[in-house]
N, C-alpha and C. Protein backbone atom coordinates (compact mmCIF):
# COMPACT_ATOMS: atom_id res chain seq x y z
N UNK A 1 -0.71 -59.10 -46.16
CA UNK A 1 0.47 -58.69 -46.64
C UNK A 1 1.36 -59.96 -46.86
N UNK A 2 2.16 -59.93 -47.86
CA UNK A 2 3.07 -61.09 -48.27
C UNK A 2 4.48 -60.65 -48.17
N UNK A 3 5.32 -61.42 -47.58
CA UNK A 3 6.77 -61.17 -47.40
C UNK A 3 7.44 -62.49 -48.17
N UNK A 4 8.44 -62.14 -48.97
CA UNK A 4 9.26 -63.10 -49.62
C UNK A 4 10.74 -62.97 -49.19
N UNK A 5 11.44 -63.95 -48.78
CA UNK A 5 12.71 -63.83 -48.37
C UNK A 5 13.59 -64.85 -49.02
N UNK A 6 14.53 -64.36 -50.06
CA UNK A 6 15.42 -65.38 -50.70
C UNK A 6 16.63 -65.70 -49.86
N UNK A 7 17.25 -66.90 -50.07
CA UNK A 7 18.50 -67.04 -49.59
C UNK A 7 19.24 -68.19 -50.45
N UNK A 8 20.44 -68.36 -50.37
CA UNK A 8 21.15 -69.35 -51.09
C UNK A 8 22.23 -68.82 -52.15
N UNK A 9 22.11 -67.61 -52.44
CA UNK A 9 22.95 -66.97 -53.39
C UNK A 9 24.38 -67.12 -53.08
N UNK A 10 25.29 -66.85 -53.96
CA UNK A 10 26.85 -66.73 -53.63
C UNK A 10 27.55 -66.94 -55.04
N UNK A 11 28.90 -67.09 -54.69
CA UNK A 11 29.85 -67.25 -55.77
C UNK A 11 30.12 -68.73 -56.06
N UNK A 12 30.19 -69.12 -57.26
CA UNK A 12 30.34 -70.51 -57.58
C UNK A 12 31.08 -70.60 -59.02
N UNK A 13 31.93 -71.49 -59.18
CA UNK A 13 32.64 -71.73 -60.43
C UNK A 13 31.86 -72.27 -61.59
N UNK A 14 32.15 -71.90 -62.72
CA UNK A 14 31.40 -72.54 -63.99
C UNK A 14 31.29 -73.93 -63.69
N UNK A 15 30.13 -74.62 -63.97
CA UNK A 15 29.83 -76.02 -63.93
C UNK A 15 29.32 -76.41 -62.48
N UNK A 16 29.39 -75.52 -61.52
CA UNK A 16 28.92 -75.81 -60.29
C UNK A 16 27.52 -75.62 -60.10
N UNK A 17 27.03 -75.81 -58.83
CA UNK A 17 25.67 -75.80 -58.41
C UNK A 17 25.36 -74.89 -57.34
N UNK A 18 24.21 -74.40 -57.18
CA UNK A 18 23.65 -73.57 -56.12
C UNK A 18 22.25 -73.99 -56.02
N UNK A 19 21.65 -73.76 -54.79
CA UNK A 19 20.26 -74.05 -54.56
C UNK A 19 19.72 -72.65 -53.88
N UNK A 20 18.75 -71.99 -54.48
CA UNK A 20 18.16 -70.90 -53.89
C UNK A 20 16.87 -71.28 -53.41
N UNK A 21 16.59 -70.56 -52.27
CA UNK A 21 15.31 -70.84 -51.55
C UNK A 21 14.63 -69.56 -51.28
N UNK A 22 13.23 -69.67 -51.36
CA UNK A 22 12.34 -68.46 -51.04
C UNK A 22 11.29 -68.93 -50.00
N UNK A 23 11.30 -68.24 -48.93
CA UNK A 23 10.41 -68.48 -47.77
C UNK A 23 9.31 -67.41 -47.86
N UNK A 24 8.08 -67.86 -47.98
CA UNK A 24 6.99 -66.80 -48.01
C UNK A 24 6.18 -66.75 -46.74
N UNK A 25 5.62 -65.68 -46.38
CA UNK A 25 4.87 -65.57 -45.18
C UNK A 25 3.69 -64.65 -45.63
N UNK A 26 2.56 -64.74 -44.78
CA UNK A 26 1.35 -64.05 -45.22
C UNK A 26 0.38 -64.91 -45.79
N UNK A 27 -0.56 -64.35 -46.53
CA UNK A 27 -1.62 -65.00 -47.24
C UNK A 27 -1.09 -65.72 -48.56
N UNK A 28 -0.75 -66.92 -48.32
CA UNK A 28 -0.28 -67.63 -49.57
C UNK A 28 -1.07 -68.78 -50.00
N UNK A 29 -1.57 -68.72 -51.33
CA UNK A 29 -2.30 -69.91 -51.78
C UNK A 29 -1.64 -70.62 -52.79
N UNK A 30 -1.82 -71.90 -52.86
CA UNK A 30 -1.11 -72.72 -53.70
C UNK A 30 -1.61 -72.60 -55.28
N UNK A 31 -2.76 -72.02 -55.34
CA UNK A 31 -3.38 -71.76 -56.63
C UNK A 31 -2.75 -70.77 -57.50
N UNK A 32 -1.90 -69.92 -56.88
CA UNK A 32 -1.27 -68.74 -57.56
C UNK A 32 0.26 -69.18 -58.08
N UNK A 33 0.63 -68.75 -58.93
CA UNK A 33 1.99 -68.99 -59.58
C UNK A 33 3.02 -68.37 -58.55
N UNK A 34 4.07 -69.08 -58.38
CA UNK A 34 5.32 -68.55 -57.80
C UNK A 34 6.52 -68.82 -58.75
N UNK A 35 7.54 -68.07 -58.68
CA UNK A 35 8.65 -68.31 -59.52
C UNK A 35 9.82 -67.55 -59.25
N UNK A 36 10.63 -67.53 -60.18
CA UNK A 36 11.92 -66.78 -60.15
C UNK A 36 12.10 -65.95 -61.30
N UNK A 37 12.65 -64.82 -61.09
CA UNK A 37 13.16 -63.77 -62.17
C UNK A 37 14.60 -63.67 -61.90
N UNK A 38 15.26 -62.98 -62.86
CA UNK A 38 16.68 -62.64 -62.62
C UNK A 38 16.98 -61.46 -63.39
N UNK A 39 17.98 -60.73 -62.95
CA UNK A 39 18.31 -59.42 -63.72
C UNK A 39 19.80 -59.28 -63.56
N UNK A 40 20.49 -59.38 -64.78
CA UNK A 40 21.84 -59.21 -64.91
C UNK A 40 22.13 -57.72 -65.17
N UNK A 41 23.46 -57.25 -64.74
CA UNK A 41 23.74 -55.80 -64.96
C UNK A 41 23.50 -55.46 -66.45
N UNK A 42 22.76 -54.40 -66.67
CA UNK A 42 22.53 -53.73 -67.86
C UNK A 42 21.45 -54.44 -68.76
N UNK A 43 20.82 -55.37 -68.10
CA UNK A 43 19.94 -56.27 -68.84
C UNK A 43 18.52 -56.20 -68.08
N UNK A 44 17.44 -56.45 -68.89
CA UNK A 44 16.14 -56.56 -68.43
C UNK A 44 15.94 -57.74 -67.62
N UNK A 45 14.89 -57.56 -66.66
CA UNK A 45 14.59 -58.68 -65.74
C UNK A 45 13.96 -59.74 -66.67
N UNK A 46 14.44 -61.03 -66.33
CA UNK A 46 13.82 -62.04 -67.31
C UNK A 46 13.18 -63.14 -66.30
N UNK A 47 12.29 -63.94 -66.89
CA UNK A 47 11.71 -64.95 -66.11
C UNK A 47 12.61 -66.07 -66.41
N UNK A 48 13.01 -66.79 -65.20
CA UNK A 48 13.88 -68.00 -65.06
C UNK A 48 13.07 -69.26 -65.05
N UNK A 49 12.07 -69.29 -64.07
CA UNK A 49 11.23 -70.56 -63.95
C UNK A 49 10.07 -70.13 -63.16
N UNK A 50 8.93 -70.87 -63.27
CA UNK A 50 7.76 -70.63 -62.53
C UNK A 50 7.08 -71.99 -62.28
N UNK A 51 6.30 -71.98 -61.24
CA UNK A 51 5.57 -73.20 -60.81
C UNK A 51 4.11 -72.76 -60.56
N UNK A 52 3.15 -73.40 -61.14
CA UNK A 52 1.68 -73.03 -61.07
C UNK A 52 0.96 -73.90 -60.29
N UNK A 53 -0.33 -73.71 -60.17
CA UNK A 53 -1.21 -74.64 -59.55
C UNK A 53 -1.10 -76.03 -60.19
N UNK A 54 -1.20 -77.08 -59.42
CA UNK A 54 -1.19 -78.34 -59.86
C UNK A 54 0.22 -78.87 -60.13
N UNK A 55 1.32 -77.99 -60.04
CA UNK A 55 2.76 -78.42 -60.18
C UNK A 55 3.27 -78.21 -61.44
N UNK A 56 2.58 -77.69 -62.53
CA UNK A 56 3.15 -77.36 -63.75
C UNK A 56 4.32 -76.47 -63.66
N UNK A 57 5.16 -76.58 -64.55
CA UNK A 57 6.42 -75.68 -64.41
C UNK A 57 6.68 -75.10 -65.80
N UNK A 58 7.41 -73.90 -65.89
CA UNK A 58 7.85 -73.23 -67.09
C UNK A 58 9.33 -72.85 -66.76
N UNK A 59 10.12 -73.00 -67.81
CA UNK A 59 11.51 -72.64 -67.72
C UNK A 59 11.91 -71.84 -68.94
N UNK A 60 12.91 -70.87 -68.59
CA UNK A 60 13.48 -70.07 -69.77
C UNK A 60 14.25 -71.07 -70.49
N UNK A 61 14.30 -71.01 -71.89
CA UNK A 61 15.02 -71.88 -72.71
C UNK A 61 16.47 -71.97 -72.33
N UNK A 62 17.02 -70.85 -71.80
CA UNK A 62 18.45 -70.89 -71.34
C UNK A 62 18.69 -71.70 -70.23
N UNK A 63 17.67 -72.16 -69.41
CA UNK A 63 17.92 -72.87 -68.22
C UNK A 63 17.36 -74.21 -68.07
N UNK A 64 16.72 -74.60 -69.36
CA UNK A 64 16.06 -75.93 -69.37
C UNK A 64 17.06 -77.10 -69.28
N UNK A 65 16.77 -77.90 -68.45
CA UNK A 65 17.68 -79.06 -68.37
C UNK A 65 18.80 -78.87 -67.23
N UNK A 66 18.94 -77.72 -66.81
CA UNK A 66 19.97 -77.33 -65.84
C UNK A 66 19.37 -76.94 -64.49
N UNK A 67 18.22 -76.25 -64.53
CA UNK A 67 17.54 -75.68 -63.32
C UNK A 67 16.32 -76.48 -63.17
N UNK A 68 16.00 -76.62 -61.78
CA UNK A 68 14.79 -77.36 -61.41
C UNK A 68 14.15 -76.56 -60.18
N UNK A 69 12.83 -76.21 -60.46
CA UNK A 69 12.03 -75.40 -59.50
C UNK A 69 11.07 -76.43 -58.80
N UNK A 70 11.06 -76.09 -57.49
CA UNK A 70 10.08 -76.98 -56.58
C UNK A 70 9.37 -76.04 -55.65
N UNK A 71 8.30 -76.65 -55.14
CA UNK A 71 7.52 -75.75 -54.11
C UNK A 71 6.91 -76.62 -53.12
N UNK A 72 6.94 -76.14 -51.92
CA UNK A 72 6.28 -76.90 -50.77
C UNK A 72 5.11 -76.02 -50.27
N UNK A 73 3.90 -76.43 -50.72
CA UNK A 73 2.65 -75.73 -50.33
C UNK A 73 2.32 -75.63 -48.87
N UNK A 74 2.96 -76.63 -48.06
CA UNK A 74 2.70 -76.67 -46.71
C UNK A 74 3.63 -75.73 -45.94
N UNK A 75 4.90 -75.70 -46.24
CA UNK A 75 5.83 -74.95 -45.57
C UNK A 75 5.98 -73.43 -46.20
N UNK A 76 5.26 -73.23 -47.43
CA UNK A 76 5.30 -72.02 -48.03
C UNK A 76 6.72 -71.70 -48.47
N UNK A 77 7.53 -72.55 -49.00
CA UNK A 77 8.86 -72.44 -49.59
C UNK A 77 8.93 -72.89 -51.03
N UNK A 78 9.92 -72.20 -51.68
CA UNK A 78 10.16 -72.69 -53.09
C UNK A 78 11.64 -72.62 -53.29
N UNK A 79 12.06 -73.54 -54.01
CA UNK A 79 13.45 -73.63 -54.28
C UNK A 79 13.80 -73.61 -55.73
N UNK A 80 15.08 -73.22 -55.96
CA UNK A 80 15.51 -73.41 -57.43
C UNK A 80 16.88 -74.04 -57.43
N UNK A 81 16.99 -75.23 -57.81
CA UNK A 81 18.15 -76.00 -57.96
C UNK A 81 18.89 -75.73 -59.26
N UNK A 82 20.06 -75.10 -59.07
CA UNK A 82 20.70 -74.64 -60.54
C UNK A 82 22.00 -75.43 -60.55
N UNK A 83 21.98 -76.15 -61.75
CA UNK A 83 23.21 -76.99 -61.88
C UNK A 83 23.96 -76.61 -63.30
N UNK A 84 25.17 -77.11 -63.40
CA UNK A 84 25.85 -76.74 -64.64
C UNK A 84 25.91 -75.27 -64.88
N UNK A 85 26.16 -74.46 -63.76
CA UNK A 85 26.04 -73.01 -63.97
C UNK A 85 27.10 -72.48 -64.85
N UNK A 86 26.60 -71.36 -65.53
CA UNK A 86 27.53 -70.78 -66.58
C UNK A 86 27.61 -69.26 -66.07
N UNK A 87 28.65 -68.64 -66.77
CA UNK A 87 28.81 -67.14 -66.29
C UNK A 87 27.65 -66.30 -66.64
N UNK A 88 26.98 -66.69 -67.70
CA UNK A 88 25.85 -65.88 -68.03
C UNK A 88 24.71 -66.14 -67.21
N UNK A 89 24.74 -67.02 -66.28
CA UNK A 89 23.75 -67.09 -65.21
C UNK A 89 24.04 -66.08 -64.11
N UNK A 90 24.99 -65.33 -64.24
CA UNK A 90 25.24 -64.37 -63.09
C UNK A 90 24.26 -63.31 -63.15
N UNK A 91 23.52 -62.99 -62.02
CA UNK A 91 22.44 -62.07 -62.04
C UNK A 91 22.02 -61.98 -60.45
N UNK A 92 21.08 -61.11 -60.25
CA UNK A 92 20.47 -61.12 -59.10
C UNK A 92 19.13 -61.87 -59.38
N UNK A 93 18.78 -62.72 -58.46
CA UNK A 93 17.62 -63.63 -58.57
C UNK A 93 16.51 -63.19 -57.55
N UNK A 94 15.41 -63.09 -58.12
CA UNK A 94 14.23 -62.62 -57.24
C UNK A 94 13.21 -63.62 -57.21
N UNK A 95 12.68 -63.84 -56.15
CA UNK A 95 11.49 -64.71 -55.98
C UNK A 95 10.26 -63.77 -56.18
N UNK A 96 9.10 -64.36 -56.76
CA UNK A 96 8.02 -63.66 -56.95
C UNK A 96 6.74 -64.42 -56.63
N UNK A 97 5.74 -63.79 -56.09
CA UNK A 97 4.40 -64.35 -55.93
C UNK A 97 3.43 -63.36 -56.10
N UNK A 98 2.52 -63.64 -57.12
CA UNK A 98 1.52 -62.55 -57.54
C UNK A 98 2.22 -61.21 -57.81
N UNK A 99 1.91 -60.06 -57.16
CA UNK A 99 2.66 -58.94 -57.31
C UNK A 99 3.62 -58.62 -56.28
N UNK A 100 4.06 -59.58 -55.54
CA UNK A 100 5.07 -59.53 -54.51
C UNK A 100 6.39 -59.93 -54.97
N UNK A 101 7.35 -59.23 -54.41
CA UNK A 101 8.75 -59.70 -54.80
C UNK A 101 9.66 -59.81 -53.47
N UNK A 102 10.71 -60.70 -53.58
CA UNK A 102 11.60 -60.63 -52.61
C UNK A 102 12.79 -59.70 -52.76
N UNK A 103 13.73 -59.50 -52.07
CA UNK A 103 14.66 -58.34 -52.04
C UNK A 103 15.86 -58.82 -53.07
N UNK A 104 15.90 -59.94 -53.36
CA UNK A 104 16.98 -60.60 -54.39
C UNK A 104 18.14 -61.13 -53.70
N UNK A 105 18.57 -62.08 -54.25
CA UNK A 105 19.91 -62.75 -53.84
C UNK A 105 20.92 -62.69 -55.13
N UNK A 106 22.07 -62.54 -54.91
CA UNK A 106 23.27 -62.32 -56.00
C UNK A 106 23.70 -63.68 -56.17
N UNK A 107 23.76 -64.14 -57.44
CA UNK A 107 24.44 -65.25 -57.90
C UNK A 107 25.55 -64.90 -58.84
N UNK A 108 26.72 -65.26 -58.55
CA UNK A 108 27.94 -64.95 -59.45
C UNK A 108 28.55 -66.20 -59.81
N UNK A 109 28.71 -66.40 -61.10
CA UNK A 109 29.45 -67.57 -61.65
C UNK A 109 30.69 -67.18 -62.29
N UNK A 110 31.75 -67.47 -61.77
CA UNK A 110 32.98 -67.02 -62.19
C UNK A 110 34.15 -67.92 -61.70
N UNK A 111 35.19 -68.02 -62.48
CA UNK A 111 36.31 -68.76 -62.04
C UNK A 111 37.36 -67.82 -61.43
């Protein structure tokens, strides 16, 4: 069984930064992809960023150049550094690993 726990969400002004963290426990293998999705009210869940075996990363076009995903395969943690935040980044952010999901953490970007 795998458990994922997110932390680091909150309220931030436009242009600000937040760092989300995901702590994984259970059978975690670095060969599998981990990443972040988000879901805004009334919208479908979308992939924000993912990191795969070997450290390759993928980002949604909307966050390229602003967000940075990183992973520590020893500690089984994953972070998402979010910079230059915009109101449209407001959403619940979910950590995922294979078919497992965290409970989500709210990010609100508002003045």
